[in-house]
Protein backbone atom coordinates (compact mmCIF):
# COMPACT_ATOMS: atom_id res chain seq x y z
CA UNK A 1 1.14 11.96 -12.41
CA UNK A 2 -1.73 12.07 -10.08
CA UNK A 3 -2.01 11.37 -6.23
CA UNK A 4 -0.06 8.57 -4.89
CA UNK A 5 -1.92 5.50 -3.90
CA UNK A 6 -0.80 2.56 -1.77
CA UNK A 7 -2.23 -0.93 -1.77
CA UNK A 8 -1.75 -3.20 0.78
CA UNK A 9 -2.02 -6.74 -0.58
CA UNK A 10 -2.10 -8.05 -4.04
CA UNK A 11 -5.32 -10.11 -4.33
CA UNK A 12 -7.65 -9.75 -7.22
CA UNK A 13 -9.40 -6.93 -5.47
CA UNK A 14 -6.19 -5.00 -5.07
CA UNK A 15 -5.16 -5.53 -8.68
CA UNK A 16 -8.44 -4.66 -10.07
CA UNK A 17 -8.53 -1.55 -8.00
CA UNK A 18 -4.97 -0.72 -9.14
CA UNK A 19 -5.94 -1.21 -12.67
CA UNK A 20 -8.87 1.19 -12.39
CA UNK A 21 -7.09 3.92 -10.39
CA UNK A 22 -3.88 3.79 -12.70
CA UNK A 23 -6.45 4.18 -15.69
CA UNK A 24 -7.41 7.32 -14.02
CA UNK A 25 -4.16 8.75 -13.61
CA UNK A 26 -3.15 7.78 -10.01
CA UNK A 27 0.17 6.77 -9.29
CA UNK A 28 -0.12 3.57 -7.79
CA UNK A 29 2.19 1.18 -5.53
CA UNK A 30 1.43 -2.23 -4.13
CA UNK A 31 2.89 -3.83 -1.33
CA UNK A 32 2.63 -7.69 -0.56
CA UNK A 33 3.62 -10.24 2.39
CA UNK A 34 3.99 -12.97 -0.13
CA UNK A 35 6.71 -13.83 -2.35
CA UNK A 36 4.43 -13.50 -5.32
CA UNK A 37 0.93 -11.84 -6.35
CA UNK A 38 -2.38 -12.90 -6.17
CA UNK A 39 -3.61 -13.50 -2.58
CA UNK A 40 -5.56 -16.52 -2.86
CA UNK A 41 -5.60 -16.46 -6.45
CA UNK A 42 -2.22 -17.95 -6.30
CA UNK A 43 0.09 -20.50 -8.16
CA UNK A 44 2.22 -23.29 -7.00
CA UNK A 45 4.81 -24.85 -9.34
CA UNK A 46 6.33 -28.18 -8.15
CA UNK A 47 7.92 -31.28 -9.45
CA UNK A 48 6.74 -30.35 -13.12
CA UNK A 49 3.20 -29.47 -12.25
CA UNK A 50 1.40 -26.12 -11.84
CA UNK A 51 -1.30 -26.12 -9.53
CA UNK A 52 -3.95 -23.11 -8.84
CA UNK A 53 -3.62 -22.60 -5.37
CA UNK A 54 -7.12 -21.31 -4.64
CA UNK A 55 -10.07 -20.42 -6.89
CA UNK A 56 -10.61 -22.75 -9.89
CA UNK A 57 -13.65 -21.33 -11.58
CA UNK A 58 -16.21 -18.33 -11.32
CA UNK A 59 -19.51 -17.25 -12.38
CA UNK A 60 -20.67 -13.76 -13.58
CA UNK A 61 -18.00 -13.72 -16.28
CA UNK A 62 -18.99 -10.31 -17.52
CA UNK A 63 -17.66 -8.65 -14.74
CA UNK A 64 -14.32 -9.05 -15.99
CA UNK A 65 -15.40 -7.84 -19.11
CA UNK A 66 -16.61 -4.69 -17.25
CA UNK A 67 -13.22 -4.19 -15.52
CA UNK A 68 -11.36 -4.23 -18.72
CA UNK A 69 -13.80 -2.06 -20.32
CA UNK A 70 -13.82 0.48 -17.49
CA UNK A 71 -10.06 0.72 -17.99
CA UNK A 72 -10.47 1.08 -22.05
CA UNK A 73 -8.65 -2.27 -22.43
CA UNK A 74 -9.61 -5.36 -24.51
CA UNK A 75 -10.26 -8.20 -22.29
CA UNK A 76 -6.97 -10.32 -22.58
CA UNK A 77 -8.35 -13.47 -20.61
CA UNK A 78 -9.38 -16.45 -22.66
CA UNK A 79 -12.35 -17.93 -20.80
CA UNK A 80 -13.72 -21.59 -21.09
CA UNK A 81 -17.29 -22.16 -19.95
CA UNK A 82 -17.85 -25.24 -17.97
CA UNK A 83 -19.99 -28.10 -19.52
CA UNK A 84 -20.97 -30.04 -17.66
CA UNK A 85 -20.61 -27.54 -14.80
CA UNK A 86 -19.38 -30.30 -12.42
CA UNK A 87 -19.86 -33.89 -11.19
CA UNK A 88 -21.06 -34.95 -8.02
CA UNK A 89 -20.21 -38.40 -6.28
CA UNK A 90 -22.38 -39.60 -3.34
CA UNK A 91 -20.88 -42.28 -1.16
CA UNK A 92 -23.65 -44.87 -1.74
CA UNK A 93 -23.83 -44.31 -5.69
CA UNK A 94 -21.47 -45.92 -8.01
CA UNK A 95 -21.79 -43.38 -10.70
CA UNK A 96 -21.68 -39.51 -10.52
CA UNK A 97 -24.67 -37.09 -11.39
CA UNK A 98 -23.43 -34.90 -14.21
CA UNK A 99 -24.90 -31.20 -13.69
CA UNK A 100 -25.38 -29.42 -16.85
CA UNK A 101 -26.94 -25.91 -17.61
CA UNK A 102 -29.09 -27.58 -20.09
CA UNK A 103 -32.16 -28.41 -18.06
CA UNK A 104 -33.33 -31.11 -20.35
CA UNK A 105 -29.92 -33.09 -19.90
CA UNK A 106 -30.01 -32.37 -16.30
CA UNK A 107 -33.73 -33.88 -15.97
CA UNK A 108 -32.29 -37.03 -17.34
CA UNK A 109 -29.74 -37.27 -14.78
CA UNK A 110 -32.45 -36.97 -12.12
CA UNK A 111 -35.43 -39.00 -14.03
CA UNK A 112 -35.21 -41.68 -11.57
CA UNK A 113 -35.36 -39.70 -8.44
CA UNK A 114 -37.14 -36.54 -8.86
CA UNK A 115 -40.35 -36.68 -11.18
CA UNK A 116 -41.19 -33.68 -13.24
CA UNK A 117 -37.60 -32.25 -12.43
CA UNK A 118 -37.57 -29.78 -15.29
CA UNK A 119 -40.83 -28.03 -14.46
CA UNK A 120 -39.59 -27.86 -10.56
CA UNK A 121 -36.40 -26.41 -11.54
CA UNK A 122 -37.84 -23.73 -13.90
CA UNK A 123 -40.00 -22.71 -11.33
CA UNK A 124 -37.42 -22.58 -8.67
CA UNK A 125 -34.75 -20.95 -10.99
CA UNK A 126 -37.23 -18.27 -11.98
CA UNK A 127 -37.81 -17.40 -8.33
CA UNK A 128 -34.03 -17.43 -7.93
CA UNK A 129 -33.49 -15.26 -11.05
CA UNK A 130 -36.06 -12.66 -9.60
CA UNK A 131 -34.04 -12.14 -6.42
CA UNK A 132 -30.80 -11.92 -8.39
CA UNK A 133 -32.02 -9.10 -10.88
CA UNK A 134 -34.15 -7.43 -8.00
CA UNK A 135 -31.07 -7.00 -5.64
CA UNK A 136 -28.09 -7.03 -8.12
CA UNK A 137 -28.18 -3.08 -8.48
CA UNK A 138 -30.16 -1.89 -5.70
CA UNK A 139 -28.25 -4.03 -3.06
CA UNK A 140 -24.92 -5.45 -4.31
CA UNK A 141 -23.67 -2.99 -6.83
CA UNK A 142 -23.59 0.02 -4.75
CA UNK A 143 -21.97 1.92 -1.63
CA UNK A 144 -23.72 2.87 1.50
CA UNK A 145 -22.81 5.76 3.53
CA UNK A 146 -24.85 4.91 6.42
CA UNK A 147 -27.51 2.31 7.92
CA UNK A 148 -30.38 4.53 6.94
CA UNK A 149 -29.46 4.56 3.20
CA UNK A 150 -29.49 0.72 3.38
CA UNK A 151 -32.89 0.38 4.73
CA UNK A 152 -34.03 2.62 2.12
CA UNK A 153 -32.39 0.45 -0.43
CA UNK A 154 -34.00 -2.52 1.15
CA UNK A 155 -37.49 -0.96 0.92
CA UNK A 156 -37.20 -0.94 -3.07
CA UNK A 157 -36.78 -4.62 -3.19
CA UNK A 158 -40.12 -6.22 -4.03
CA UNK A 159 -41.97 -7.54 -0.76
CA UNK A 160 -42.40 -10.99 -2.46
CA UNK A 161 -38.76 -11.95 -1.61
CA UNK A 162 -39.06 -10.93 2.26
CA UNK A 163 -40.00 -14.60 3.21
CA UNK A 164 -36.68 -15.77 1.67
CA UNK A 165 -34.74 -13.29 4.20
CA UNK A 166 -36.45 -15.57 7.24
CA UNK A 167 -35.71 -19.21 6.25
CA UNK A 168 -32.76 -21.21 5.11
CA UNK A 169 -32.03 -22.51 1.71
CA UNK A 170 -32.40 -25.72 2.63
CA UNK A 171 -36.01 -25.14 3.72
CA UNK A 172 -36.51 -23.41 0.42
CA UNK A 173 -35.07 -26.63 -1.43
CA UNK A 174 -37.37 -28.66 0.52
CA UNK A 175 -40.46 -26.93 -0.81
CA UNK A 176 -39.40 -27.30 -4.26
CA UNK A 177 -37.79 -30.71 -4.41
CA UNK A 178 -38.36 -34.30 -3.16
CA UNK A 179 -35.14 -36.06 -3.80
CA UNK A 180 -32.34 -35.76 -1.01
CA UNK A 181 -29.80 -35.89 -3.79
CA UNK A 182 -31.29 -32.99 -5.77
CA UNK A 183 -31.60 -30.94 -2.75
CA UNK A 184 -28.02 -31.59 -1.55
CA UNK A 185 -26.58 -31.08 -5.07
CA UNK A 186 -28.43 -27.64 -5.48
CA UNK A 187 -27.56 -26.54 -1.89
CA UNK A 188 -23.93 -27.15 -2.56
CA UNK A 189 -23.50 -23.31 -3.74
CA UNK A 190 -23.83 -22.57 -0.04
CA UNK A 191 -20.42 -23.86 0.51
CA UNK A 192 -19.07 -21.32 -2.13
CA UNK A 193 -19.96 -18.92 0.66
CA UNK A 194 -18.05 -20.94 3.12
CA UNK A 195 -21.38 -21.70 4.96
CA UNK A 196 -23.91 -24.63 5.03
CA UNK A 197 -27.47 -24.63 3.34
CA UNK A 198 -28.93 -24.86 6.88
CA UNK A 199 -27.27 -21.75 7.89
CA UNK A 200 -27.53 -19.79 4.64
CA UNK A 201 -30.74 -17.54 3.90
CA UNK A 202 -33.00 -18.80 1.07
CA UNK A 203 -32.27 -15.53 -0.97
CA UNK A 204 -28.82 -17.19 -1.99
CA UNK A 205 -30.78 -19.57 -4.28
CA UNK A 206 -29.72 -16.82 -6.63
CA UNK A 207 -26.44 -18.54 -7.01
CA UNK A 208 -28.10 -21.46 -8.42
CA UNK A 209 -29.89 -18.99 -10.93
CA UNK A 210 -26.10 -17.63 -11.68
CA UNK A 211 -24.67 -21.30 -12.21
CA UNK A 212 -27.73 -22.75 -14.08
CA UNK A 213 -29.44 -20.43 -15.92
CA UNK A 214 -27.59 -16.89 -16.17
CA UNK A 215 -23.61 -17.25 -16.73
CA UNK A 216 -22.67 -20.72 -15.85
CA UNK A 217 -19.27 -21.42 -14.69
CA UNK A 218 -16.05 -20.62 -16.19
CA UNK A 219 -12.08 -21.16 -16.07
CA UNK A 220 -9.23 -19.66 -17.73
CA UNK A 221 -7.17 -21.10 -20.76
CA UNK A 222 -3.66 -21.67 -19.18
CA UNK A 223 -4.94 -21.83 -15.69
CA UNK A 224 -6.70 -19.38 -13.24
CA UNK A 225 -3.30 -17.79 -12.41
CA UNK A 226 -3.50 -15.97 -15.92
CA UNK A 227 -5.85 -13.52 -14.31
CA UNK A 228 -3.15 -12.21 -12.37
CA UNK A 229 -0.48 -12.47 -14.85
CA UNK A 230 -2.43 -10.61 -17.41
CA UNK A 231 -3.61 -7.70 -14.97
CA UNK A 232 0.16 -7.59 -13.64
CA UNK A 233 1.34 -7.14 -17.63
CA UNK A 234 -1.09 -4.24 -17.58
CA UNK A 235 0.03 -2.47 -14.44
CA UNK A 236 3.63 -2.88 -15.54
CA UNK A 237 2.64 -0.87 -18.67
CA UNK A 238 1.18 1.66 -16.24
CA UNK A 239 4.16 2.04 -14.17
CA UNK A 240 2.55 0.24 -10.99
CA UNK A 241 5.40 -1.46 -8.96
CA UNK A 242 4.88 -4.26 -6.52
CA UNK A 243 6.89 -4.91 -3.56
CA UNK A 244 7.16 -8.44 -2.42
CA UNK A 245 8.06 -9.76 1.23
CA UNK A 246 6.88 -6.88 2.79
CA UNK A 247 4.22 -6.97 5.92
CA UNK A 248 2.50 -4.17 7.18
CA UNK A 249 2.15 -4.09 11.03
CA UNK A 250 1.86 -0.40 12.13
CA UNK A 251 0.91 2.83 10.75
CA UNK A 252 1.54 6.76 11.21
CA UNK A 253 -1.07 9.36 10.91
CA UNK A 254 -2.10 13.08 11.61
CA UNK A 255 -5.46 14.25 12.61
CA UNK A 256 -7.61 12.17 10.79
CA UNK A 257 -5.47 11.18 7.95
CA UNK A 258 -3.01 8.12 7.42
CA UNK A 259 0.29 9.38 6.60
CA UNK A 260 2.02 6.04 6.13
CA UNK A 261 2.04 2.32 6.97
CA UNK A 262 5.26 0.57 8.70
CA UNK A 263 6.52 -2.57 7.51
CA UNK A 264 8.05 -5.14 9.93
CA UNK A 265 11.47 -4.18 8.89
CA UNK A 266 10.80 -0.65 10.19
CA UNK A 267 10.12 0.98 6.79
CA UNK A 268 7.46 3.54 6.36
CA UNK A 269 5.52 3.41 3.08
CA UNK A 270 3.94 6.96 2.50
CA UNK A 271 1.16 7.94 -0.12
CA UNK A 272 -1.78 10.19 -0.17
CA UNK A 273 -4.40 7.52 -0.48
CA UNK A 274 -4.21 4.01 1.24
CA UNK A 275 -6.38 0.90 -0.01
CA UNK A 276 -6.14 -2.14 2.24
CA UNK A 277 -6.79 -5.46 0.48
CA UNK A 278 -6.06 -7.43 3.59
CA UNK A 279 -9.04 -8.74 5.51
CA UNK A 280 -11.16 -5.54 6.28
CA UNK A 281 -12.19 -6.82 9.77
CA UNK A 282 -9.07 -8.26 10.90
CA UNK A 283 -6.58 -5.40 9.47
CA UNK A 284 -8.89 -2.87 11.64
CA UNK A 285 -7.81 -5.11 14.67
CA UNK A 286 -4.38 -6.32 14.31
CA UNK A 287 -2.95 -3.39 12.52
CA UNK A 288 -5.21 -0.26 13.56
CA UNK A 289 -5.45 -1.66 17.18
CA UNK A 290 -9.41 -0.99 17.00
CA UNK A 291 -11.15 -2.29 20.19
CA UNK A 292 -14.59 -3.07 18.29
CA UNK A 293 -12.07 -5.44 16.05
CA UNK A 294 -10.21 -7.05 18.73
CA UNK A 295 -9.62 -10.73 18.69
CA UNK A 296 -12.45 -11.47 21.09
CA UNK A 297 -14.80 -9.56 19.00
CA UNK A 298 -13.76 -11.09 15.73
CA UNK A 299 -14.05 -14.70 17.06
CA UNK A 300 -17.61 -13.86 17.66
CA UNK A 301 -18.17 -13.14 14.05
CA UNK A 302 -19.59 -15.21 11.72
CA UNK A 303 -16.41 -16.72 9.65
CA UNK A 304 -16.52 -18.98 6.46
CA UNK A 305 -15.10 -22.53 6.78
CA UNK A 306 -11.29 -22.95 6.43
CA UNK A 307 -9.84 -24.66 3.58
CA UNK A 308 -7.52 -27.80 3.62
CA UNK A 309 -6.01 -28.52 0.39
CA UNK A 310 -3.97 -31.03 -1.49
CA UNK A 311 -2.05 -30.21 -4.50
CA UNK A 312 -1.48 -33.54 -5.92
CA UNK A 313 0.69 -34.92 -8.94
CA UNK A 314 0.03 -38.50 -10.10
CA UNK A 315 1.35 -40.55 -13.06
CA UNK A 316 -1.52 -41.88 -15.17
CA UNK A 317 -4.77 -40.45 -16.66
CA UNK A 318 -7.75 -40.64 -14.53
CA UNK A 319 -10.46 -40.32 -17.40
CA UNK A 320 -13.52 -40.93 -14.89
CA UNK A 321 -12.99 -37.61 -13.49
CA UNK A 322 -14.22 -34.41 -14.94
CA UNK A 323 -12.78 -30.73 -14.49
CA UNK A 324 -14.90 -30.17 -11.30
CA UNK A 325 -16.07 -33.17 -8.85
CA UNK A 326 -17.78 -33.19 -5.65
CA UNK A 327 -17.22 -36.40 -3.37
CA UNK A 328 -20.13 -36.23 -0.49
CA UNK A 329 -21.09 -38.83 2.03
CA UNK A 330 -24.59 -40.17 3.05
CA UNK A 331 -24.67 -38.10 6.24
CA UNK A 332 -24.96 -34.65 4.60
CA UNK A 333 -27.00 -32.65 7.58
CA UNK A 334 -25.17 -34.14 10.40
CA UNK A 335 -21.99 -33.47 8.69
CA UNK A 336 -22.84 -29.87 7.89
CA UNK A 337 -24.20 -29.46 11.44
CA UNK A 338 -20.91 -30.67 12.86
CA UNK A 339 -18.10 -29.54 10.43
CA UNK A 340 -17.81 -25.92 11.70
CA UNK A 341 -16.81 -26.86 15.32
CA UNK A 342 -14.90 -30.17 15.11
CA UNK A 343 -11.66 -30.31 17.00
CA UNK A 344 -10.77 -33.28 15.25
CA UNK A 345 -10.21 -34.27 11.65
CA UNK A 346 -13.57 -35.47 10.07
CA UNK A 347 -13.92 -39.20 9.90
CA UNK A 348 -15.73 -39.28 6.40
CA UNK A 349 -14.72 -36.12 5.01
CA UNK A 350 -16.66 -34.39 1.94
CA UNK A 351 -14.22 -32.64 -0.73
CA UNK A 352 -13.91 -31.26 -3.96
CA UNK A 353 -11.51 -32.02 -6.60
CA UNK A 354 -10.46 -30.09 -9.67
CA UNK A 355 -8.64 -31.81 -12.28
CA UNK A 356 -6.80 -28.97 -13.81
CA UNK A 357 -4.81 -31.09 -16.52
CA UNK A 358 -8.14 -31.94 -18.19
CA UNK A 359 -8.53 -28.17 -19.37
CA UNK A 360 -4.87 -27.25 -19.32
CA UNK A 361 -2.75 -30.20 -20.36
CA UNK A 362 0.50 -28.26 -19.89
CA UNK A 363 -0.19 -27.93 -16.28
CA UNK A 364 1.07 -31.57 -15.79
CA UNK A 365 3.74 -33.43 -17.50
CA UNK A 366 2.74 -35.96 -20.11
CA UNK A 367 0.87 -39.02 -18.92
CA UNK A 368 0.18 -37.42 -15.66
CA UNK A 369 -2.71 -35.56 -13.78
CA UNK A 370 -2.65 -32.74 -11.45
CA UNK A 371 -5.40 -32.66 -8.72
CA UNK A 372 -6.39 -29.89 -6.51
CA UNK A 373 -8.36 -31.49 -3.54
CA UNK A 374 -10.13 -28.95 -1.12
CA UNK A 375 -11.82 -30.10 1.99
CA UNK A 376 -13.64 -27.66 4.02
CA UNK A 377 -12.80 -27.88 7.60
CA UNK A 378 -13.24 -25.86 10.95
CA UNK A 379 -11.16 -22.70 11.41
CA UNK A 380 -8.29 -22.26 14.09
CA UNK A 381 -10.85 -21.42 16.51
CA UNK A 382 -11.85 -24.83 16.67
CA UNK A 383 -8.77 -26.82 15.53
CA UNK A 384 -5.64 -25.06 16.34
CA UNK A 385 -3.23 -28.03 15.89
CA UNK A 386 -2.93 -29.37 12.34
CA UNK A 387 0.21 -31.75 13.03
CA UNK A 388 -1.89 -34.16 11.56
CA UNK A 389 -2.38 -33.01 8.32
CA UNK A 390 -0.60 -35.90 6.62
CA UNK A 391 -2.97 -38.51 8.24
CA UNK A 392 -6.09 -36.29 6.94
CA UNK A 393 -4.70 -36.21 3.49
CA UNK A 394 -4.26 -39.84 3.05
CA UNK A 395 -7.91 -40.62 4.61
CA UNK A 396 -9.05 -38.52 1.73
CA UNK A 397 -7.05 -39.79 -0.86
CA UNK A 398 -7.71 -43.60 0.27
CA UNK A 399 -11.36 -42.45 0.07
CA UNK A 400 -11.30 -41.08 -3.41
CA UNK A 401 -9.14 -43.87 -4.72
CA UNK A 402 -11.60 -46.43 -3.73
CA UNK A 403 -14.56 -44.47 -5.30
CA UNK A 404 -12.90 -43.88 -8.60
CA UNK A 405 -10.92 -47.08 -8.92
CA UNK A 406 -7.47 -45.41 -9.36
CA UNK A 407 -4.71 -45.67 -6.68
CA UNK A 408 -3.71 -42.08 -5.90
CA UNK A 409 -1.21 -42.86 -3.08
CA UNK A 410 0.48 -45.67 -5.23
CA UNK A 411 1.01 -43.34 -8.30
CA UNK A 412 1.63 -40.09 -6.25
CA UNK A 413 4.72 -38.30 -7.48
CA UNK A 414 3.96 -34.62 -5.90
CA UNK A 415 2.28 -33.59 -2.95
CA UNK A 416 1.84 -30.59 -1.13
CA UNK A 417 -0.68 -29.60 1.90
CA UNK A 418 -1.97 -26.33 3.03
CA UNK A 419 -3.70 -26.60 6.11
CA UNK A 420 -5.58 -23.49 7.89
CA UNK A 421 -2.55 -22.65 9.57
CA UNK A 422 -0.67 -22.32 6.48
CA UNK A 423 -3.31 -20.39 4.84
CA UNK A 424 -3.44 -18.14 7.80
CA UNK A 425 0.52 -17.62 7.60
CA UNK A 426 0.65 -17.10 3.91
CA UNK A 427 -2.10 -15.04 3.03
CA UNK A 428 -3.03 -13.52 6.53
CA UNK A 429 -6.52 -15.18 6.55
CA UNK A 430 -8.09 -14.48 9.92
CA UNK A 431 -8.41 -17.80 12.04
CA UNK A 432 -7.26 -19.70 8.70
CA UNK A 433 -10.95 -18.84 7.32
CA UNK A 434 -10.99 -19.36 3.53
CA UNK A 435 -13.53 -16.72 2.39
CA UNK A 436 -13.29 -14.19 5.10
CA UNK A 437 -16.55 -12.99 7.13
CA UNK A 438 -19.49 -15.11 6.23
CA UNK A 439 -22.76 -13.80 4.54
CA UNK A 440 -25.57 -13.99 6.97
CA UNK A 441 -28.29 -11.49 7.24
CA UNK A 442 -26.17 -9.40 9.86
CA UNK A 443 -22.90 -9.52 7.70
CA UNK A 444 -24.06 -8.42 4.34
CA UNK A 445 -24.14 -5.13 2.58
CA UNK A 446 -23.93 -2.21 4.59
CA UNK A 447 -23.53 -4.62 7.72
CA UNK A 448 -20.10 -5.80 6.35
CA UNK A 449 -17.05 -3.81 7.33
CA UNK A 450 -17.02 -0.56 5.52
CA UNK A 451 -14.67 -0.23 2.35
CA UNK A 452 -14.04 3.43 3.57
CA UNK A 453 -12.56 3.89 6.91
CA UNK A 454 -14.50 5.24 9.82
CA UNK A 455 -11.75 7.30 11.23
CA UNK A 456 -9.32 7.98 8.56
CA UNK A 457 -10.53 9.95 5.55
CA UNK A 458 -7.76 8.55 3.37
CA UNK A 459 -7.95 4.84 3.95
CA UNK A 460 -10.29 2.23 1.91
CA UNK A 461 -10.81 -1.35 1.98
CA UNK A 462 -11.16 -3.95 -0.88
CA UNK A 463 -11.67 -7.57 -0.88
CA UNK A 464 -13.69 -10.59 0.70
CA UNK A 465 -14.39 -9.11 3.94
CA UNK A 466 -15.80 -5.82 3.00
CA UNK A 467 -18.60 -4.91 0.51
CA UNK A 468 -20.03 -6.37 -1.41
CA UNK A 469 -18.64 -9.83 -0.41
CA UNK A 470 -16.73 -12.86 -1.54
CA UNK A 471 -15.83 -14.65 -4.72
CA UNK A 472 -13.99 -13.36 -7.77
CA UNK A 473 -16.61 -11.62 -9.69
CA UNK A 474 -17.87 -10.14 -6.42
CA UNK A 475 -14.49 -8.50 -5.55
CA UNK A 476 -14.25 -7.29 -9.01
CA UNK A 477 -17.38 -5.53 -8.28
CA UNK A 478 -15.88 -4.12 -4.96
CA UNK A 479 -12.82 -2.77 -6.89
CA UNK A 480 -15.47 -0.66 -8.85
CA UNK A 481 -17.25 0.40 -5.52
CA UNK A 482 -13.88 1.52 -3.89
CA UNK A 483 -12.72 3.44 -6.80
CA UNK A 484 -16.15 5.26 -6.75
CA UNK A 485 -15.43 6.20 -3.28
CA UNK A 486 -11.79 7.23 -3.81
CA UNK A 487 -12.91 9.71 -7.09
CA UNK A 488 -16.03 10.97 -5.19
CA UNK A 489 -13.42 12.15 -2.17
CA UNK A 490 -10.82 13.58 -4.65
């Protein structure tokens, strides 16, 4: 057996790294604070319903193929491509827009509000696709040892993309489309980064390319938690053990090497190599006690919005909803400008709804639906007290009931709410931030917290707040990058 690796946390980045390293002969062990694996990619079972706790779809499905191919394993995941990709409901419009990858179909959705939509979209997506392919391997899928190396990589990116660094996604959309609804719909991908299109650089138009032209959106037959279950089965075959209800809060070291991490019960977990799947910035501050990652300095960083989530089981079928749905108001700009720093609940919340039972009927009792509702809200820096969570949940459910013509509150038979303080407590999300550090230009690539520790030569990081960033396929890429680091240092 090879060197022993201890991985802290069991999110997707951790599980993918464990699979890669165990396939290379390393002896891997995982410790996890929660009572089950997956991190945000988790599962809740209650009252006969099964809910995906966090992610409900993903793009770049081929990154999962790469993971299993790397380990010499057939991909065990049964993937479903979403079509339509999602539906978008506006407060002032009775019926939703259906968003298709087929641009001819999408043009029919927008024919009354955006003349020559297909031609405009082709032009916009072609440009976004060029950004994606010109940066995928040069910037995203690589490690950096220093800023000079990053600067050299940036120089190789075609100069024609430079203007996209210095204007917002919204400005880019304004130069391509006329309809407010079209611009809002195309800008929703910014929220996947936990930000708004007014703060997100235009280079992230590449996300529109991935959703509508490149690979689309996918989910997993049997629910998203199947990803975790399938990888755990493979890890068990390789002798990888996961220890639950273990929270790390201290460390031991000699010279420039970690010798062990200590949990809250005083037990020391020893290994030759350590990989942290907890937040790469917050862990450096909270556990390693680094001054440059103190609470004061962390709070000045740009974090993604926090999730307010409702897991709702209802009696009756809701045929008017699709698998993925967005419910938006009529004040998009003012809402986006204020949502980050509100200290009270939003009056007219925007929210996303996933009806898992439409794709996976076994996730709800017969004749019922299970709904996952996510409302982006300020993190705990701005709203610390969430005792009013029930009021916000009812506000969302009343709004949605009116808009779909189905009384969710009257037909409610199961409800669980996770506010930002719950997300922080369950998964150690800094200030309840849903996706970790945001992706502004000062927090991307080599400017994110590194995936190899600055001081300890045997400590590495994987996950949303290190390179290359947030999102399921991106942390899978991150697992490959950190594995390459470890293999190079062996």
